[in-house]
Amino acid sequence: MDIDPETIEVAIEVDASGLRCPEPLMLVRNKIMDMQSGEVIKVIATDPSTSWDFPNFCKFLKHEMVLSKTDGMPFLYWIRKK
């Protein structure tokens, strides 16, 4: 079942375009700390390293990767805070 990104309720959107590793990850980490459990952050990124950084970040910290689109630029991620 495909998830329609338009149906995801986003609490915060972060544009990390042009930022290089580890900046996108650190930016998202800091924003998530201020969010409530269950809220979703949408991330826009251009650094290819985010395609493995964000899934690993979610796995390690138990956040949910609701959806990721990494088949073209920019890369898009929807992450739900645990």
N, C-alpha and C. Protein backbone atom coordinates (compact mmCIF):
# COMPACT_ATOMS: atom_id res chain seq x y z
N MET A 1 0.84 -1.18 0.00
CA MET A 1 0.00 0.00 0.00
C MET A 1 0.89 1.25 0.00
N ASP A 2 0.68 2.08 -0.98
CA ASP A 2 1.43 3.33 -1.07
C ASP A 2 0.79 4.40 -0.21
N ILE A 3 1.62 5.20 0.43
CA ILE A 3 1.14 6.30 1.25
C ILE A 3 1.18 7.57 0.40
N ASP A 4 0.08 8.30 0.39
CA ASP A 4 0.02 9.57 -0.32
C ASP A 4 0.60 10.65 0.59
N PRO A 5 1.70 11.28 0.17
CA PRO A 5 2.33 12.29 1.03
C PRO A 5 1.39 13.44 1.38
N GLU A 6 0.40 13.69 0.53
CA GLU A 6 -0.56 14.78 0.79
C GLU A 6 -1.44 14.48 1.99
N THR A 7 -1.54 13.21 2.38
CA THR A 7 -2.41 12.85 3.51
C THR A 7 -1.67 12.83 4.85
N ILE A 8 -0.36 13.07 4.82
CA ILE A 8 0.43 13.06 6.05
C ILE A 8 0.36 14.43 6.71
N GLU A 9 -0.08 14.45 7.96
CA GLU A 9 -0.15 15.71 8.70
C GLU A 9 1.25 16.07 9.20
N VAL A 10 1.79 17.15 8.67
CA VAL A 10 3.16 17.57 8.97
C VAL A 10 3.14 18.69 10.01
N ALA A 11 3.88 18.50 11.11
CA ALA A 11 3.98 19.52 12.16
C ALA A 11 5.05 20.55 11.81
N ILE A 12 6.17 20.08 11.28
CA ILE A 12 7.31 20.95 10.95
C ILE A 12 7.89 20.50 9.62
N GLU A 13 8.25 21.48 8.79
CA GLU A 13 8.94 21.18 7.54
C GLU A 13 10.32 21.82 7.61
N VAL A 14 11.34 21.04 7.27
CA VAL A 14 12.72 21.51 7.30
C VAL A 14 13.31 21.39 5.90
N ASP A 15 13.82 22.49 5.39
CA ASP A 15 14.50 22.48 4.09
C ASP A 15 16.00 22.47 4.34
N ALA A 16 16.60 21.31 4.15
CA ALA A 16 18.04 21.15 4.35
C ALA A 16 18.77 21.12 3.01
N SER A 17 18.13 21.64 1.97
CA SER A 17 18.75 21.67 0.64
C SER A 17 20.07 22.43 0.69
N GLY A 18 21.07 21.86 0.05
CA GLY A 18 22.37 22.51 0.00
C GLY A 18 23.27 22.21 1.19
N LEU A 19 22.70 21.65 2.24
CA LEU A 19 23.51 21.30 3.41
C LEU A 19 24.17 19.95 3.20
N ARG A 20 25.38 19.79 3.73
CA ARG A 20 26.13 18.56 3.59
C ARG A 20 26.23 17.85 4.93
N CYS A 21 26.42 16.55 4.87
CA CYS A 21 26.56 15.72 6.07
C CYS A 21 27.63 16.31 6.98
N PRO A 22 27.36 16.44 8.25
CA PRO A 22 26.22 15.95 9.04
C PRO A 22 25.13 17.00 9.28
N GLU A 23 25.19 18.13 8.59
CA GLU A 23 24.26 19.23 8.87
C GLU A 23 22.77 18.87 8.75
N PRO A 24 22.32 18.17 7.69
CA PRO A 24 20.89 17.84 7.64
C PRO A 24 20.43 17.01 8.84
N LEU A 25 21.24 16.04 9.21
CA LEU A 25 20.90 15.17 10.34
C LEU A 25 20.86 15.95 11.65
N MET A 26 21.82 16.82 11.86
CA MET A 26 21.86 17.61 13.10
C MET A 26 20.69 18.59 13.16
N LEU A 27 20.33 19.17 12.03
CA LEU A 27 19.20 20.08 11.97
C LEU A 27 17.91 19.36 12.35
N VAL A 28 17.70 18.19 11.78
CA VAL A 28 16.50 17.39 12.07
C VAL A 28 16.51 16.92 13.52
N ARG A 29 17.65 16.48 13.99
CA ARG A 29 17.76 16.03 15.38
C ARG A 29 17.35 17.13 16.35
N ASN A 30 17.83 18.35 16.12
CA ASN A 30 17.48 19.47 16.99
C ASN A 30 16.00 19.83 16.92
N LYS A 31 15.40 19.78 15.72
CA LYS A 31 13.98 20.09 15.57
C LYS A 31 13.12 19.03 16.26
N ILE A 32 13.48 17.75 16.10
CA ILE A 32 12.70 16.66 16.69
C ILE A 32 12.69 16.76 18.22
N MET A 33 13.77 17.26 18.79
CA MET A 33 13.83 17.38 20.25
C MET A 33 12.73 18.32 20.78
N ASP A 34 12.31 19.27 19.97
CA ASP A 34 11.27 20.23 20.38
C ASP A 34 9.86 19.79 20.01
N MET A 35 9.73 18.65 19.35
CA MET A 35 8.43 18.17 18.90
C MET A 35 7.79 17.25 19.94
N GLN A 36 6.48 17.08 19.79
CA GLN A 36 5.74 16.15 20.64
C GLN A 36 5.77 14.75 20.01
N SER A 37 5.68 13.74 20.84
CA SER A 37 5.61 12.37 20.36
C SER A 37 4.43 12.22 19.41
N GLY A 38 4.67 11.57 18.26
CA GLY A 38 3.61 11.35 17.28
C GLY A 38 3.57 12.40 16.18
N GLU A 39 4.23 13.53 16.38
CA GLU A 39 4.25 14.56 15.34
C GLU A 39 5.20 14.16 14.22
N VAL A 40 4.94 14.69 13.03
CA VAL A 40 5.73 14.34 11.85
C VAL A 40 6.52 15.56 11.37
N ILE A 41 7.78 15.31 11.05
CA ILE A 41 8.63 16.32 10.44
C ILE A 41 8.87 15.90 9.00
N LYS A 42 8.71 16.85 8.08
CA LYS A 42 9.03 16.61 6.67
C LYS A 42 10.38 17.25 6.40
N VAL A 43 11.26 16.49 5.75
CA VAL A 43 12.61 16.97 5.47
C VAL A 43 12.84 16.98 3.97
N ILE A 44 13.36 18.09 3.49
CA ILE A 44 13.76 18.23 2.09
C ILE A 44 15.29 18.32 2.11
N ALA A 45 15.95 17.43 1.37
CA ALA A 45 17.42 17.38 1.40
C ALA A 45 17.97 17.11 0.00
N THR A 46 19.22 17.51 -0.19
CA THR A 46 19.89 17.26 -1.47
C THR A 46 21.16 16.42 -1.30
N ASP A 47 21.58 16.18 -0.08
CA ASP A 47 22.79 15.40 0.17
C ASP A 47 22.46 13.91 0.07
N PRO A 48 23.11 13.18 -0.85
CA PRO A 48 22.83 11.75 -1.00
C PRO A 48 23.03 10.93 0.27
N SER A 49 23.89 11.39 1.18
CA SER A 49 24.13 10.63 2.41
C SER A 49 22.88 10.56 3.29
N THR A 50 21.91 11.45 3.07
CA THR A 50 20.69 11.41 3.88
C THR A 50 19.90 10.13 3.61
N SER A 51 20.12 9.50 2.45
CA SER A 51 19.37 8.28 2.11
C SER A 51 19.71 7.11 3.03
N TRP A 52 20.85 7.16 3.69
CA TRP A 52 21.15 6.15 4.72
C TRP A 52 21.22 6.76 6.11
N ASP A 53 21.54 8.05 6.21
CA ASP A 53 21.59 8.70 7.53
C ASP A 53 20.23 8.71 8.21
N PHE A 54 19.19 9.13 7.51
CA PHE A 54 17.87 9.25 8.14
C PHE A 54 17.26 7.90 8.52
N PRO A 55 17.31 6.88 7.66
CA PRO A 55 16.81 5.56 8.10
C PRO A 55 17.56 5.03 9.33
N ASN A 56 18.88 5.20 9.36
CA ASN A 56 19.66 4.75 10.52
C ASN A 56 19.33 5.56 11.77
N PHE A 57 19.15 6.86 11.60
CA PHE A 57 18.75 7.75 12.69
C PHE A 57 17.42 7.27 13.29
N CYS A 58 16.45 6.96 12.42
CA CYS A 58 15.14 6.49 12.88
C CYS A 58 15.25 5.16 13.60
N LYS A 59 16.00 4.26 13.03
CA LYS A 59 16.17 2.93 13.64
C LYS A 59 16.82 3.04 15.01
N PHE A 60 17.87 3.82 15.11
CA PHE A 60 18.63 3.96 16.35
C PHE A 60 17.80 4.63 17.45
N LEU A 61 17.04 5.66 17.08
CA LEU A 61 16.27 6.42 18.08
C LEU A 61 14.79 6.04 18.15
N LYS A 62 14.42 5.00 17.39
CA LYS A 62 13.06 4.44 17.41
C LYS A 62 11.99 5.38 16.85
N HIS A 63 12.39 6.32 15.99
CA HIS A 63 11.41 7.14 15.28
C HIS A 63 10.90 6.32 14.10
N GLU A 64 9.75 6.73 13.54
CA GLU A 64 9.17 6.00 12.41
C GLU A 64 9.41 6.76 11.11
N MET A 65 10.03 6.08 10.15
CA MET A 65 10.14 6.64 8.81
C MET A 65 8.81 6.37 8.12
N VAL A 66 7.94 7.36 8.12
CA VAL A 66 6.60 7.20 7.55
C VAL A 66 6.69 7.00 6.04
N LEU A 67 7.55 7.81 5.41
CA LEU A 67 7.70 7.75 3.96
C LEU A 67 9.02 8.40 3.58
N SER A 68 9.67 7.85 2.57
CA SER A 68 10.86 8.50 2.02
C SER A 68 10.78 8.41 0.51
N LYS A 69 11.22 9.47 -0.15
CA LYS A 69 11.27 9.51 -1.61
C LYS A 69 12.69 9.91 -1.99
N THR A 70 13.47 8.91 -2.41
CA THR A 70 14.88 9.13 -2.72
C THR A 70 15.22 8.77 -4.16
N ASP A 71 14.20 8.71 -5.02
CA ASP A 71 14.44 8.32 -6.40
C ASP A 71 14.79 9.50 -7.29
N GLY A 72 14.82 10.69 -6.75
CA GLY A 72 15.18 11.88 -7.51
C GLY A 72 15.37 13.06 -6.57
N MET A 73 15.92 14.12 -7.08
CA MET A 73 16.16 15.32 -6.26
C MET A 73 14.92 16.18 -6.22
N PRO A 74 14.63 16.83 -5.12
CA PRO A 74 15.29 16.63 -3.83
C PRO A 74 14.81 15.34 -3.18
N PHE A 75 15.55 14.90 -2.17
CA PHE A 75 15.14 13.75 -1.38
C PHE A 75 14.12 14.25 -0.35
N LEU A 76 13.08 13.46 -0.13
CA LEU A 76 12.02 13.84 0.81
C LEU A 76 11.83 12.75 1.86
N TYR A 77 11.67 13.18 3.10
CA TYR A 77 11.49 12.24 4.21
C TYR A 77 10.38 12.75 5.12
N TRP A 78 9.54 11.84 5.59
CA TRP A 78 8.53 12.13 6.59
C TRP A 78 8.83 11.24 7.78
N ILE A 79 9.18 11.85 8.91
CA ILE A 79 9.61 11.10 10.09
C ILE A 79 8.67 11.43 11.26
N ARG A 80 8.11 10.37 11.88
CA ARG A 80 7.25 10.55 13.04
C ARG A 80 8.06 10.33 14.31
N LYS A 81 8.01 11.32 15.18
CA LYS A 81 8.74 11.20 16.45
C LYS A 81 8.13 10.11 17.31
N LYS A 82 9.00 9.32 17.94
CA LYS A 82 8.52 8.23 18.80
C LYS A 82 7.76 8.75 19.99
